[in-house]
C-alpha cells in the first residue's frame, strides 16, 4: 500500500513541476514582450 500511495504522489510532484516550468516560460515571454514595447 505504501508504494501504491507513493506513485500518485510522485506523478503529482512531476506534474506540478511541469506546470511551474510552463508558468515561468509564460512569465518570461510576457516580460520580454513588455520590454520590447517599451523601446
N, C-alpha and C. Protein backbone atom coordinates (compact mmCIF):
# COMPACT_ATOMS: atom_id res chain seq x y z
N UNK A 1 0.83 -1.21 0.00
CA UNK A 1 0.00 0.00 0.00
C UNK A 1 0.86 1.26 0.00
N UNK A 2 1.96 1.22 0.70
CA UNK A 2 2.82 2.41 0.77
C UNK A 2 3.34 2.77 -0.62
N UNK A 3 3.78 1.75 -1.37
CA UNK A 3 4.31 2.02 -2.71
C UNK A 3 3.19 2.56 -3.61
N UNK A 4 2.00 2.01 -3.46
CA UNK A 4 0.88 2.46 -4.28
C UNK A 4 0.56 3.92 -3.99
N UNK A 5 0.62 4.32 -2.74
CA UNK A 5 0.32 5.70 -2.37
C UNK A 5 1.42 6.63 -2.86
N UNK A 6 2.63 6.12 -2.94
CA UNK A 6 3.76 6.96 -3.31
C UNK A 6 3.77 7.28 -4.81
N UNK A 7 3.34 6.35 -5.63
CA UNK A 7 3.37 6.57 -7.08
C UNK A 7 2.51 7.76 -7.51
N UNK A 8 1.26 7.86 -7.09
CA UNK A 8 0.46 9.03 -7.47
C UNK A 8 1.06 10.32 -6.92
N UNK A 9 1.66 10.25 -5.75
CA UNK A 9 2.27 11.44 -5.16
C UNK A 9 3.45 11.89 -6.01
N UNK A 10 4.26 10.92 -6.50
CA UNK A 10 5.41 11.25 -7.33
C UNK A 10 4.93 11.87 -8.66
N UNK A 11 3.93 11.29 -9.26
CA UNK A 11 3.44 11.82 -10.54
C UNK A 11 2.84 13.21 -10.31
N UNK A 12 2.23 13.42 -9.17
CA UNK A 12 1.66 14.73 -8.85
C UNK A 12 2.78 15.76 -8.73
N UNK A 13 3.89 15.37 -8.13
CA UNK A 13 5.02 16.30 -7.99
C UNK A 13 5.59 16.63 -9.37
N UNK A 14 5.72 15.63 -10.22
CA UNK A 14 6.26 15.86 -11.57
C UNK A 14 5.33 16.78 -12.35
N UNK A 15 4.01 16.58 -12.21
CA UNK A 15 3.05 17.40 -12.93
C UNK A 15 3.12 18.85 -12.43
N UNK A 16 3.28 19.01 -11.13
CA UNK A 16 3.36 20.36 -10.56
C UNK A 16 4.61 21.07 -11.05
N UNK A 17 5.73 20.32 -11.13
CA UNK A 17 6.97 20.92 -11.61
C UNK A 17 6.81 21.36 -13.07
N UNK A 18 6.17 20.51 -13.88
CA UNK A 18 5.97 20.84 -15.28
C UNK A 18 5.12 22.10 -15.41
N UNK A 19 4.08 22.18 -14.58
CA UNK A 19 3.21 23.34 -14.62
C UNK A 19 3.98 24.61 -14.26
N UNK A 20 4.90 24.50 -13.30
CA UNK A 20 5.70 25.66 -12.91
C UNK A 20 6.60 26.08 -14.06
N UNK A 21 7.16 25.12 -14.77
CA UNK A 21 8.03 25.44 -15.90
C UNK A 21 7.22 26.16 -16.98
N UNK A 22 5.99 25.71 -17.22
CA UNK A 22 5.15 26.36 -18.23
C UNK A 22 4.83 27.78 -17.79
N UNK A 23 4.56 27.97 -16.49
CA UNK A 23 4.22 29.29 -15.98
C UNK A 23 5.40 30.25 -16.11
N UNK A 24 6.62 29.75 -15.76
CA UNK A 24 7.81 30.60 -15.86
C UNK A 24 8.07 30.96 -17.32
N UNK A 25 7.84 30.02 -18.22
CA UNK A 25 8.02 30.29 -19.65
C UNK A 25 7.05 31.37 -20.10
N UNK A 26 5.82 31.31 -19.62
CA UNK A 26 4.82 32.31 -19.96
C UNK A 26 5.21 33.67 -19.38
N UNK A 27 5.68 33.67 -18.13
CA UNK A 27 6.09 34.91 -17.47
C UNK A 27 7.24 35.56 -18.21
N UNK A 28 8.25 34.76 -18.58
CA UNK A 28 9.41 35.30 -19.30
C UNK A 28 8.98 35.83 -20.66
N UNK A 29 8.03 35.14 -21.30
CA UNK A 29 7.56 35.58 -22.61
C UNK A 29 6.85 36.93 -22.48
N UNK A 30 6.00 37.06 -21.48
CA UNK A 30 5.29 38.32 -21.26
C UNK A 30 6.27 39.44 -20.92
N UNK A 31 7.27 39.13 -20.11
CA UNK A 31 8.26 40.13 -19.71
C UNK A 31 9.04 40.62 -20.92
N UNK A 32 9.45 39.68 -21.77
CA UNK A 32 10.21 40.04 -22.97
C UNK A 32 9.35 40.91 -23.90
N UNK A 33 8.08 40.57 -24.02
CA UNK A 33 7.19 41.34 -24.88
C UNK A 33 7.02 42.76 -24.36
N UNK A 34 6.83 42.90 -23.05
CA UNK A 34 6.65 44.23 -22.47
C UNK A 34 7.93 45.05 -22.61
N UNK A 35 9.08 44.41 -22.50
CA UNK A 35 10.34 45.14 -22.67
C UNK A 35 10.45 45.66 -24.10
N UNK A 36 10.02 44.84 -25.06
CA UNK A 36 10.09 45.24 -26.46
C UNK A 36 9.15 46.40 -26.75
N UNK A 37 8.00 46.44 -26.09
CA UNK A 37 7.04 47.51 -26.31
C UNK A 37 7.54 48.83 -25.73
N UNK A 38 8.32 48.76 -24.66
CA UNK A 38 8.82 49.99 -24.03
C UNK A 38 9.79 50.73 -24.93
N UNK A 39 10.54 50.00 -25.74
CA UNK A 39 11.56 50.65 -26.59
C UNK A 39 10.96 51.39 -27.74
